[in-house]
């Protein structure tokens, strides 16, 4: 089963994510070829991942590592695949490696209706199913929604105005 979105990836070429006690560290290689270690998360802090990240940045002098920027944030599986990155941190702050393994069919459904939820979010209603999908913030409304069927259910793959047949996920 895939991790909940959004996913974040540390800045630079993060070769691995590992724990040093309660500290989540991204080890990568800098422009000069020298290995660098950057702090991604501190599990000893209270709050969710976003709150812990904010506390890290506000108290960066207390840590022996430089705070890592989280440059890549993806809201859908298609964005994660397009980024070509393998090391991610999910929205709960859990590190993981994602490598596409198997080709799967993409089912495209046309958007039937868009409902406003009142908090700036929109809900997409599709033809041919009673399933609805939450449109990520600041995204234009697509004409089609691509979903991938997994053994555990369907998952939003992409918001699209065209169609693709298969992709390795």
C-alpha atoms as a PDB file:
ATOM      1  CA  UNK A   1       0.000   0.000   0.000  1.00  0.00           C
ATOM      2  CA  UNK A   2       1.278   3.463  -0.860  1.00  0.00           C
ATOM      3  CA  UNK A   3       1.965   6.107   1.766  1.00  0.00           C
ATOM      4  CA  UNK A   4      -0.446   9.013   2.227  1.00  0.00           C
ATOM      5  CA  UNK A   5       0.231  12.121   0.139  1.00  0.00           C
ATOM      6  CA  UNK A   6       1.718  14.689   0.073  1.00  0.00           C
ATOM      7  CA  UNK A   7       5.271  13.338  -0.095  1.00  0.00           C
ATOM      8  CA  UNK A   8       8.378  15.476   0.433  1.00  0.00           C
ATOM      9  CA  UNK A   9      11.948  14.967  -0.668  1.00  0.00           C
ATOM     10  CA  UNK A  10      14.990  16.612   0.940  1.00  0.00           C
ATOM     11  CA  UNK A  11      17.009  19.169  -1.001  1.00  0.00           C
ATOM     12  CA  UNK A  12      19.899  17.996  -3.136  1.00  0.00           C
ATOM     13  CA  UNK A  13      20.787  14.463  -4.056  1.00  0.00           C
ATOM     14  CA  UNK A  14      19.642  12.618  -0.928  1.00  0.00           C
ATOM     15  CA  UNK A  15      21.155   9.159  -1.167  1.00  0.00           C
ATOM     16  CA  UNK A  16      19.566   7.861   2.012  1.00  0.00           C
ATOM     17  CA  UNK A  17      17.421   8.838   4.949  1.00  0.00           C
ATOM     18  CA  UNK A  18      18.440   7.448   8.337  1.00  0.00           C
ATOM     19  CA  UNK A  19      17.875   8.043  12.037  1.00  0.00           C
ATOM     20  CA  UNK A  20      20.477   9.344  14.473  1.00  0.00           C
ATOM     21  CA  UNK A  21      18.516   8.793  17.693  1.00  0.00           C
ATOM     22  CA  UNK A  22      15.318  10.839  17.268  1.00  0.00           C
ATOM     23  CA  UNK A  23      16.781  12.885  14.412  1.00  0.00           C
ATOM     24  CA  UNK A  24      15.917  12.015  10.795  1.00  0.00           C
ATOM     25  CA  UNK A  25      18.965  12.771   8.643  1.00  0.00           C
ATOM     26  CA  UNK A  26      19.277  13.041   4.847  1.00  0.00           C
ATOM     27  CA  UNK A  27      22.719  11.972   3.644  1.00  0.00           C
ATOM     28  CA  UNK A  28      23.587  13.229   0.195  1.00  0.00           C
ATOM     29  CA  UNK A  29      26.411  14.371  -2.000  1.00  0.00           C
ATOM     30  CA  UNK A  30      27.066  18.067  -2.496  1.00  0.00           C
ATOM     31  CA  UNK A  31      28.249  19.793  -5.684  1.00  0.00           C
ATOM     32  CA  UNK A  32      31.876  19.254  -4.698  1.00  0.00           C
ATOM     33  CA  UNK A  33      31.313  15.499  -4.286  1.00  0.00           C
ATOM     34  CA  UNK A  34      31.593  15.713  -0.495  1.00  0.00           C
ATOM     35  CA  UNK A  35      28.999  13.836   1.585  1.00  0.00           C
ATOM     36  CA  UNK A  36      26.659  16.106   3.485  1.00  0.00           C
ATOM     37  CA  UNK A  37      24.170  15.419   6.282  1.00  0.00           C
ATOM     38  CA  UNK A  38      21.057  17.546   6.728  1.00  0.00           C
ATOM     39  CA  UNK A  39      18.403  17.406   9.424  1.00  0.00           C
ATOM     40  CA  UNK A  40      14.879  16.601   8.171  1.00  0.00           C
ATOM     41  CA  UNK A  41      12.890  15.892  11.369  1.00  0.00           C
ATOM     42  CA  UNK A  42      13.188  15.569  15.152  1.00  0.00           C
ATOM     43  CA  UNK A  43      10.788  12.978  16.559  1.00  0.00           C
ATOM     44  CA  UNK A  44      11.350  14.191  20.125  1.00  0.00           C
ATOM     45  CA  UNK A  45       9.410  17.388  19.343  1.00  0.00           C
ATOM     46  CA  UNK A  46       5.644  17.428  19.879  1.00  0.00           C
ATOM     47  CA  UNK A  47       3.199  17.929  17.018  1.00  0.00           C
ATOM     48  CA  UNK A  48       2.703  16.638  13.507  1.00  0.00           C
ATOM     49  CA  UNK A  49       5.381  16.698  10.803  1.00  0.00           C
ATOM     50  CA  UNK A  50       4.645  20.292   9.722  1.00  0.00           C
ATOM     51  CA  UNK A  51       4.729  21.576  13.320  1.00  0.00           C
ATOM     52  CA  UNK A  52       8.005  19.735  14.035  1.00  0.00           C
ATOM     53  CA  UNK A  53       9.559  21.192  10.854  1.00  0.00           C
ATOM     54  CA  UNK A  54       8.573  24.708  11.942  1.00  0.00           C
ATOM     55  CA  UNK A  55      10.083  24.146  15.417  1.00  0.00           C
ATOM     56  CA  UNK A  56      13.314  22.886  13.788  1.00  0.00           C
ATOM     57  CA  UNK A  57      13.657  25.996  11.671  1.00  0.00           C
ATOM     58  CA  UNK A  58      12.924  28.323  14.595  1.00  0.00           C
ATOM     59  CA  UNK A  59      15.465  26.537  16.820  1.00  0.00           C
ATOM     60  CA  UNK A  60      18.136  25.549  14.266  1.00  0.00           C
ATOM     61  CA  UNK A  61      21.076  26.637  16.470  1.00  0.00           C
ATOM     62  CA  UNK A  62      20.286  23.778  18.891  1.00  0.00           C
ATOM     63  CA  UNK A  63      21.163  21.082  16.319  1.00  0.00           C
ATOM     64  CA  UNK A  64      24.521  19.794  15.095  1.00  0.00           C
ATOM     65  CA  UNK A  65      23.191  19.500  11.515  1.00  0.00           C
ATOM     66  CA  UNK A  66      22.060  21.998   8.910  1.00  0.00           C
ATOM     67  CA  UNK A  67      18.284  21.961   8.432  1.00  0.00           C
ATOM     68  CA  UNK A  68      17.330  20.364   5.113  1.00  0.00           C
ATOM     69  CA  UNK A  69      14.962  22.156   2.803  1.00  0.00           C
ATOM     70  CA  UNK A  70      12.133  20.002   1.501  1.00  0.00           C
ATOM     71  CA  UNK A  71      12.194  21.086  -2.100  1.00  0.00           C
ATOM     72  CA  UNK A  72       9.946  18.601  -3.758  1.00  0.00           C
ATOM     73  CA  UNK A  73       6.399  18.228  -2.514  1.00  0.00           C
ATOM     74  CA  UNK A  74       4.102  16.002  -4.539  1.00  0.00           C
ATOM     75  CA  UNK A  75       0.360  15.525  -4.168  1.00  0.00           C
ATOM     76  CA  UNK A  76      -0.172  12.678  -6.657  1.00  0.00           C
ATOM     77  CA  UNK A  77       1.591   9.516  -7.735  1.00  0.00           C
ATOM     78  CA  UNK A  78       2.171  10.880 -11.250  1.00  0.00           C
ATOM     79  CA  UNK A  79       4.130  13.819  -9.777  1.00  0.00           C
ATOM     80  CA  UNK A  80       6.254  11.439  -7.681  1.00  0.00           C
ATOM     81  CA  UNK A  81       7.072   9.317 -10.744  1.00  0.00           C
ATOM     82  CA  UNK A  82       7.915  12.395 -12.833  1.00  0.00           C
ATOM     83  CA  UNK A  83      10.371  13.658 -10.190  1.00  0.00           C
ATOM     84  CA  UNK A  84      12.633  10.554 -10.545  1.00  0.00           C
ATOM     85  CA  UNK A  85      13.431  10.709  -6.810  1.00  0.00           C
ATOM     86  CA  UNK A  86      13.436   7.578  -4.648  1.00  0.00           C
ATOM     87  CA  UNK A  87      13.787   8.824  -1.062  1.00  0.00           C
ATOM     88  CA  UNK A  88      10.710  10.477   0.404  1.00  0.00           C
ATOM     89  CA  UNK A  89       9.150  11.566   3.668  1.00  0.00           C
ATOM     90  CA  UNK A  90       5.372  11.189   3.869  1.00  0.00           C
ATOM     91  CA  UNK A  91       2.984  13.723   5.420  1.00  0.00           C
ATOM     92  CA  UNK A  92       3.412  11.999   8.814  1.00  0.00           C
ATOM     93  CA  UNK A  93       7.205  12.427   8.734  1.00  0.00           C
ATOM     94  CA  UNK A  94       7.942   8.748   8.012  1.00  0.00           C
ATOM     95  CA  UNK A  95      10.869   8.169   5.635  1.00  0.00           C
ATOM     96  CA  UNK A  96      10.595   5.585   2.883  1.00  0.00           C
ATOM     97  CA  UNK A  97      12.046   4.602  -0.466  1.00  0.00           C
ATOM     98  CA  UNK A  98       9.719   4.338  -3.443  1.00  0.00           C
ATOM     99  CA  UNK A  99      10.714   2.523  -6.619  1.00  0.00           C
ATOM    100  CA  UNK A 100       8.217   1.741  -9.388  1.00  0.00           C
ATOM    101  CA  UNK A 101       7.849  -2.047  -9.660  1.00  0.00           C
ATOM    102  CA  UNK A 102       4.923  -3.101 -11.814  1.00  0.00           C
ATOM    103  CA  UNK A 103       3.075  -1.842 -14.893  1.00  0.00           C
ATOM    104  CA  UNK A 104      -0.557  -0.988 -14.215  1.00  0.00           C
ATOM    105  CA  UNK A 105      -3.407   0.233 -16.360  1.00  0.00           C
ATOM    106  CA  UNK A 106      -4.652   3.767 -15.837  1.00  0.00           C
ATOM    107  CA  UNK A 107      -8.404   4.233 -15.948  1.00  0.00           C
ATOM    108  CA  UNK A 108      -9.469   7.712 -17.035  1.00  0.00           C
ATOM    109  CA  UNK A 109     -12.833   9.054 -16.002  1.00  0.00           C
ATOM    110  CA  UNK A 110     -14.327  12.287 -17.210  1.00  0.00           C
ATOM    111  CA  UNK A 111     -15.167  14.904 -14.593  1.00  0.00           C
ATOM    112  CA  UNK A 112     -18.960  15.201 -14.316  1.00  0.00           C
ATOM    113  CA  UNK A 113     -19.276  17.906 -11.670  1.00  0.00           C
ATOM    114  CA  UNK A 114     -17.188  19.994  -9.285  1.00  0.00           C
ATOM    115  CA  UNK A 115     -18.462  20.787  -5.762  1.00  0.00           C
ATOM    116  CA  UNK A 116     -17.073  23.656  -3.706  1.00  0.00           C
ATOM    117  CA  UNK A 117     -16.404  22.618  -0.094  1.00  0.00           C
ATOM    118  CA  UNK A 118     -16.295  26.171   1.223  1.00  0.00           C
ATOM    119  CA  UNK A 119     -12.704  26.024   2.481  1.00  0.00           C
ATOM    120  CA  UNK A 120     -11.071  26.640  -0.899  1.00  0.00           C
ATOM    121  CA  UNK A 121     -11.108  22.934  -1.720  1.00  0.00           C
ATOM    122  CA  UNK A 122     -13.054  21.283  -4.523  1.00  0.00           C
ATOM    123  CA  UNK A 123     -14.494  17.799  -4.814  1.00  0.00           C
ATOM    124  CA  UNK A 124     -14.520  16.098  -8.224  1.00  0.00           C
ATOM    125  CA  UNK A 125     -17.490  13.888  -9.170  1.00  0.00           C
ATOM    126  CA  UNK A 126     -16.760  11.517 -12.055  1.00  0.00           C
ATOM    127  CA  UNK A 127     -18.809   9.716 -14.681  1.00  0.00           C
ATOM    128  CA  UNK A 128     -19.128   5.945 -14.205  1.00  0.00           C
ATOM    129  CA  UNK A 129     -18.453   5.814 -10.454  1.00  0.00           C
ATOM    130  CA  UNK A 130     -19.785   7.106  -7.178  1.00  0.00           C
ATOM    131  CA  UNK A 131     -16.207   7.781  -5.991  1.00  0.00           C
ATOM    132  CA  UNK A 132     -15.193  11.406  -5.489  1.00  0.00           C
ATOM    133  CA  UNK A 133     -11.698  12.874  -5.375  1.00  0.00           C
ATOM    134  CA  UNK A 134     -10.454  15.939  -3.560  1.00  0.00           C
ATOM    135  CA  UNK A 135      -8.739  18.361  -5.916  1.00  0.00           C
ATOM    136  CA  UNK A 136      -5.343  19.424  -4.482  1.00  0.00           C
ATOM    137  CA  UNK A 137      -5.202  23.129  -3.633  1.00  0.00           C
ATOM    138  CA  UNK A 138      -4.204  25.602  -6.339  1.00  0.00           C
ATOM    139  CA  UNK A 139      -4.821  23.127  -9.152  1.00  0.00           C
ATOM    140  CA  UNK A 140      -6.933  23.887 -12.220  1.00  0.00           C
ATOM    141  CA  UNK A 141      -9.989  21.687 -12.684  1.00  0.00           C
ATOM    142  CA  UNK A 142      -9.099  18.896 -15.139  1.00  0.00           C
ATOM    143  CA  UNK A 143     -11.340  17.342 -17.775  1.00  0.00           C
ATOM    144  CA  UNK A 144     -10.250  13.815 -16.783  1.00  0.00           C
ATOM    145  CA  UNK A 145      -9.001  12.048 -13.655  1.00  0.00           C
ATOM    146  CA  UNK A 146      -6.643   9.096 -14.002  1.00  0.00           C
ATOM    147  CA  UNK A 147      -6.946   6.376 -11.365  1.00  0.00           C
ATOM    148  CA  UNK A 148      -4.981   3.185 -10.864  1.00  0.00           C
ATOM    149  CA  UNK A 149      -6.706   0.102  -9.513  1.00  0.00           C
ATOM    150  CA  UNK A 150      -4.713  -1.698  -6.832  1.00  0.00           C
ATOM    151  CA  UNK A 151      -5.783  -4.854  -4.950  1.00  0.00           C
ATOM    152  CA  UNK A 152      -6.692  -2.626  -1.988  1.00  0.00           C
ATOM    153  CA  UNK A 153      -8.713  -0.126  -4.045  1.00  0.00           C
ATOM    154  CA  UNK A 154      -8.410   2.784  -6.436  1.00  0.00           C
ATOM    155  CA  UNK A 155      -5.905   5.604  -6.077  1.00  0.00           C
ATOM    156  CA  UNK A 156      -5.796   8.990  -7.728  1.00  0.00           C
ATOM    157  CA  UNK A 157      -2.955   8.946 -10.233  1.00  0.00           C
ATOM    158  CA  UNK A 158      -3.227  12.232 -12.066  1.00  0.00           C
ATOM    159  CA  UNK A 159      -5.402  15.142 -13.018  1.00  0.00           C
ATOM    160  CA  UNK A 160      -5.227  15.388 -16.766  1.00  0.00           C
ATOM    161  CA  UNK A 161      -6.694  16.810 -19.939  1.00  0.00           C
ATOM    162  CA  UNK A 162      -5.361  13.895 -22.008  1.00  0.00           C
ATOM    163  CA  UNK A 163      -4.897  10.144 -21.590  1.00  0.00           C
ATOM    164  CA  UNK A 164      -2.066   7.636 -21.093  1.00  0.00           C
ATOM    165  CA  UNK A 165      -2.407   3.862 -21.323  1.00  0.00           C
ATOM    166  CA  UNK A 166       0.047   2.263 -18.881  1.00  0.00           C
ATOM    167  CA  UNK A 167       2.748   3.285 -16.442  1.00  0.00           C
ATOM    168  CA  UNK A 168       5.154   1.526 -14.125  1.00  0.00           C
ATOM    169  CA  UNK A 169       4.225   2.203 -10.465  1.00  0.00           C
END
